[in-house]
Amino acid sequence: MKVVIDKSFLQGKCSEQLALDQDRFDFVITESLLYEICKTKTRHRKSAARKLLSLPNNVYYTSVAKVLAYEAETSVAFQASQLSPQPPNISLLEDLASNSNLTTEIYRSIETTDRFYQDLYAAYIPHLEAWKNQTIESGISAIRRSSAANFPTHDIDNTWGTYSLIACLRYYAESIFSRYQPKKLYGNPPLRLLHDLIDLDYAVLAIVCGGIATRDKPLINCLKNVCGKNHPEIIQ
């Protein structure tokens, strides 16, 4: 089974425990995890990178950006079986593990993910107030009419990553609008809302892959609320 790893799980495990877990699961490393590692304090950044470098087997890499782009371009639901095992991004992880200062490659990685979150935010967040209390299908129709997002032209259902994105956005909408006035949700995402987008990223990929290793209670609550009894396997 493919299992997405988040930062809370990675920080709570030693390298030996991760190696044992990898005997049972196929770990999926996401761009959101690398982004969080890049942005964290130096000591935690080095520790997390060293743990990923210590994994004995190849892992899987993906991102919500790749899933959404694939579905928009092909009008076919992305399947976890399409992922292929890869060696870690050694140069980036070695930079993270050994440098106290951020290198050019680390900055490049941060900027790429920052742009994705800004584009995701611009495409979807302005629509949340209009359809936060509507069905997922209504939300999908609203996004299609707006032409703000690169969206599949084919009808989609809960087997699609794009559908899962809309479902998770609806879940987060109540929390978002309880904390921010709608007029403050335009422009660049507020820093605290960025954490919601990162959790959203993990949630969508967990649904696509079928499992997640996390100790993050809000993220677990999101998955159980959105998916009900059919939520992804949760490893703690």
Protein backbone atom coordinates (compact mmCIF):
# COMPACT_ATOMS: atom_id res chain seq x y z
CA MET A 1 0.00 0.00 0.00
CA LYS A 2 1.23 3.49 -0.85
CA VAL A 3 1.34 5.78 2.19
CA VAL A 4 1.90 9.54 2.11
CA ILE A 5 4.25 10.77 4.87
CA ASP A 6 3.65 14.13 6.51
CA LYS A 7 6.02 16.19 8.66
CA SER A 8 4.40 15.24 11.99
CA PHE A 9 5.00 11.55 11.31
CA LEU A 10 8.54 12.06 10.02
CA GLN A 11 9.53 14.13 13.06
CA GLY A 12 8.09 11.55 15.47
CA LYS A 13 10.04 8.60 14.09
CA CYS A 14 13.72 7.72 14.23
CA SER A 15 15.50 6.39 11.13
CA GLU A 16 15.34 2.80 12.38
CA GLN A 17 11.57 3.00 12.91
CA LEU A 18 11.07 4.48 9.43
CA ALA A 19 13.06 1.62 7.92
CA LEU A 20 10.80 -0.90 9.67
CA ASP A 21 7.69 0.96 8.49
CA GLN A 22 9.03 0.95 4.94
CA ASP A 23 9.09 -2.84 5.07
CA ARG A 24 5.29 -2.69 5.40
CA PHE A 25 4.38 0.31 3.23
CA ASP A 26 5.46 2.08 0.07
CA PHE A 27 6.31 5.59 1.23
CA VAL A 28 5.15 8.53 -0.89
CA ILE A 29 7.20 11.71 -0.47
CA THR A 30 5.31 14.81 -1.54
CA GLU A 31 6.43 18.26 -2.57
CA SER A 32 4.43 19.58 0.37
CA LEU A 33 6.62 17.56 2.77
CA LEU A 34 9.84 18.81 1.15
CA TYR A 35 8.40 22.34 1.28
CA GLU A 36 7.70 22.06 5.00
CA ILE A 37 11.18 20.67 5.62
CA CYS A 38 12.74 23.52 3.64
CA LYS A 39 10.79 26.09 5.66
CA THR A 40 11.38 24.70 9.14
CA LYS A 41 14.13 25.56 11.64
CA THR A 42 17.66 24.48 10.77
CA ARG A 43 17.92 21.73 13.40
CA HIS A 44 14.61 20.14 12.40
CA ARG A 45 15.39 20.60 8.70
CA LYS A 46 18.68 18.71 8.99
CA SER A 47 17.12 15.92 11.06
CA ALA A 48 14.20 15.37 8.67
CA ALA A 49 16.44 15.37 5.59
CA ARG A 50 18.82 12.84 7.16
CA LYS A 51 15.90 10.53 7.92
CA LEU A 52 14.75 10.63 4.30
CA LEU A 53 18.30 10.02 3.10
CA SER A 54 18.52 6.99 5.40
CA LEU A 55 15.53 5.19 3.86
CA PRO A 56 16.89 1.91 2.52
CA ASN A 57 14.60 1.58 -0.50
CA ASN A 58 13.39 3.77 -3.30
CA VAL A 59 10.33 5.86 -2.53
CA TYR A 60 7.54 7.41 -4.58
CA TYR A 61 7.35 11.11 -5.33
CA THR A 62 4.35 13.15 -6.40
CA SER A 63 2.46 16.36 -5.77
CA VAL A 64 -1.06 17.69 -6.01
CA ALA A 65 0.16 19.93 -8.85
CA LYS A 66 1.13 16.86 -10.90
CA VAL A 67 -2.15 15.08 -10.15
CA LEU A 68 -4.28 18.10 -11.11
CA ALA A 69 -2.23 18.78 -14.26
CA TYR A 70 -2.50 15.16 -15.37
CA GLU A 71 -6.28 15.09 -14.90
CA ALA A 72 -6.80 18.45 -16.61
CA GLU A 73 -4.65 17.48 -19.60
CA THR A 74 -5.93 13.92 -20.08
CA SER A 75 -9.47 14.04 -18.62
CA VAL A 76 -8.57 10.74 -16.94
CA ALA A 77 -8.51 10.15 -13.17
CA PHE A 78 -4.99 9.86 -11.75
CA GLN A 79 -4.27 6.48 -10.16
CA ALA A 80 -1.67 5.75 -7.49
CA SER A 81 -0.59 2.74 -9.57
CA GLN A 82 0.87 5.22 -12.08
CA LEU A 83 3.57 6.22 -9.59
CA SER A 84 6.97 4.63 -10.07
CA PRO A 85 9.58 4.15 -7.33
CA GLN A 86 12.41 6.68 -7.53
CA PRO A 87 15.63 7.34 -5.67
CA PRO A 88 15.43 10.36 -3.36
CA ASN A 89 16.37 13.83 -4.62
CA ILE A 90 19.85 13.34 -3.21
CA SER A 91 21.25 16.78 -3.97
CA LEU A 92 18.33 18.63 -2.37
CA LEU A 93 18.24 16.36 0.68
CA GLU A 94 22.00 16.59 1.14
CA ASP A 95 21.74 20.38 0.99
CA LEU A 96 18.99 20.27 3.60
CA ALA A 97 20.91 17.85 5.81
CA SER A 98 24.27 19.63 5.78
CA ASN A 99 23.72 23.36 5.30
CA SER A 100 22.66 25.78 8.00
CA ASN A 101 21.87 28.39 5.34
CA LEU A 102 19.44 27.89 2.49
CA THR A 103 21.16 27.07 -0.80
CA THR A 104 20.06 28.03 -4.30
CA GLU A 105 18.46 24.62 -4.84
CA ILE A 106 16.52 24.89 -1.59
CA TYR A 107 15.29 28.38 -2.53
CA ARG A 108 14.27 27.09 -5.96
CA SER A 109 12.28 24.27 -4.37
CA ILE A 110 10.52 26.70 -2.01
CA GLU A 111 9.70 29.15 -4.82
CA THR A 112 8.22 26.41 -7.04
CA THR A 113 5.86 25.23 -4.29
CA ASP A 114 5.04 28.80 -3.25
CA ARG A 115 3.89 29.52 -6.81
CA PHE A 116 1.70 26.42 -6.83
CA TYR A 117 0.01 27.40 -3.55
CA GLN A 118 -0.53 30.95 -4.79
CA ASP A 119 -2.06 29.68 -8.04
CA LEU A 120 -4.23 27.17 -6.17
CA TYR A 121 -5.36 29.89 -3.80
CA ALA A 122 -6.18 32.33 -6.60
CA ALA A 123 -8.11 29.70 -8.58
CA TYR A 124 -10.26 28.29 -5.77
CA ILE A 125 -10.43 30.37 -2.59
CA PRO A 126 -12.50 33.26 -4.05
CA HIS A 127 -15.23 30.74 -4.88
CA LEU A 128 -15.48 29.17 -1.45
CA GLU A 129 -17.95 31.64 0.04
CA ALA A 130 -20.34 31.13 -2.89
CA TRP A 131 -20.50 27.35 -2.59
CA LYS A 132 -19.31 26.40 0.88
CA ASN A 133 -22.82 25.21 1.77
CA GLN A 134 -23.57 23.67 -1.62
CA THR A 135 -22.89 20.18 -2.95
CA ILE A 136 -19.52 19.19 -4.33
CA GLU A 137 -21.11 18.96 -7.78
CA SER A 138 -22.28 22.59 -7.49
CA GLY A 139 -18.76 23.62 -6.55
CA ILE A 140 -17.37 21.81 -9.58
CA SER A 141 -19.85 23.57 -11.85
CA ALA A 142 -18.93 26.94 -10.35
CA ILE A 143 -15.22 26.35 -10.91
CA ARG A 144 -15.83 25.29 -14.50
CA ARG A 145 -17.87 28.45 -15.19
CA SER A 146 -15.17 30.67 -13.71
CA SER A 147 -12.45 29.35 -16.03
CA ALA A 148 -10.01 30.34 -13.30
CA ALA A 149 -8.58 26.87 -12.87
CA ASN A 150 -7.09 24.32 -15.25
CA PHE A 151 -9.93 21.84 -14.86
CA PRO A 152 -10.90 18.51 -16.48
CA THR A 153 -13.48 18.83 -19.22
CA HIS A 154 -14.79 15.31 -18.50
CA ASP A 155 -17.36 14.59 -15.77
CA ILE A 156 -15.53 13.68 -12.57
CA ASP A 157 -16.43 11.67 -9.46
CA ASN A 158 -14.82 10.70 -6.16
CA THR A 159 -12.18 8.59 -7.88
CA TRP A 160 -10.53 11.77 -9.16
CA GLY A 161 -7.90 13.82 -7.34
CA THR A 162 -9.61 16.99 -8.59
CA TYR A 163 -12.89 15.90 -6.99
CA SER A 164 -11.06 15.19 -3.73
CA LEU A 165 -9.57 18.68 -3.87
CA ILE A 166 -13.03 20.25 -4.11
CA ALA A 167 -14.36 18.00 -1.33
CA CYS A 168 -11.49 18.94 1.00
CA LEU A 169 -11.82 22.62 0.13
CA ARG A 170 -15.49 22.50 1.16
CA TYR A 171 -14.45 20.95 4.47
CA TYR A 172 -11.90 23.69 5.10
CA ALA A 173 -14.27 26.46 3.96
CA GLU A 174 -16.08 26.68 7.29
CA SER A 175 -12.81 27.03 9.18
CA ILE A 176 -11.42 29.54 6.68
CA PHE A 177 -14.45 31.80 6.79
CA SER A 178 -14.66 31.66 10.59
CA ARG A 179 -11.15 33.15 10.75
CA TYR A 180 -11.07 35.59 7.84
CA GLN A 181 -13.35 38.22 6.40
CA PRO A 182 -14.03 37.42 2.73
CA LYS A 183 -12.32 40.62 1.56
CA LYS A 184 -9.09 39.43 3.21
CA LEU A 185 -9.09 36.27 1.13
CA TYR A 186 -7.97 37.99 -2.07
CA GLY A 187 -4.38 38.49 -3.12
CA ASN A 188 -1.67 36.32 -1.58
CA PRO A 189 -2.73 33.73 1.02
CA PRO A 190 -2.42 34.81 4.68
CA LEU A 191 0.39 32.91 6.39
CA ARG A 192 -1.94 30.92 8.68
CA LEU A 193 -4.07 29.92 5.71
CA LEU A 194 -0.97 28.53 4.03
CA HIS A 195 -0.98 25.79 6.69
CA ASP A 196 -4.52 24.87 5.61
CA LEU A 197 -3.34 24.62 2.00
CA ILE A 198 -0.49 22.31 3.03
CA ASP A 199 -2.93 20.07 4.95
CA LEU A 200 -5.23 20.18 1.94
CA ASP A 201 -2.32 19.00 -0.20
CA TYR A 202 -1.64 16.04 2.12
CA ALA A 203 -5.33 15.16 2.32
CA VAL A 204 -5.85 15.02 -1.45
CA LEU A 205 -2.76 12.86 -1.99
CA ALA A 206 -3.75 10.58 0.91
CA ILE A 207 -7.11 9.98 -0.78
CA VAL A 208 -5.44 9.36 -4.16
CA CYS A 209 -2.84 6.97 -2.70
CA GLY A 210 -5.11 5.28 -0.15
CA GLY A 211 -3.04 5.89 2.97
CA ILE A 212 -1.25 8.49 5.07
CA ALA A 213 1.23 8.40 7.95
CA THR A 214 0.39 11.36 10.18
CA ARG A 215 -0.12 12.46 13.76
CA ASP A 216 -1.88 15.67 12.73
CA LYS A 217 -5.37 15.55 14.28
CA PRO A 218 -6.95 18.30 12.09
CA LEU A 219 -5.73 16.47 8.99
CA ILE A 220 -7.11 13.15 10.28
CA ASN A 221 -10.44 14.86 11.06
CA CYS A 222 -10.56 16.25 7.52
CA LEU A 223 -10.06 12.83 5.96
CA LYS A 224 -12.65 11.16 8.18
CA ASN A 225 -15.17 13.93 7.54
CA VAL A 226 -14.67 14.04 3.78
CA CYS A 227 -14.40 10.28 3.17
CA GLY A 228 -16.45 8.82 6.01
CA LYS A 229 -15.89 5.11 6.58
CA ASN A 230 -13.96 4.92 3.30
CA HIS A 231 -11.22 7.25 4.50
CA PRO A 232 -7.60 6.39 3.61
CA GLU A 233 -5.64 4.09 5.90
CA ILE A 234 -4.21 6.24 8.71
CA ILE A 235 -0.85 5.20 10.17
CA GLN A 236 0.23 6.85 13.41
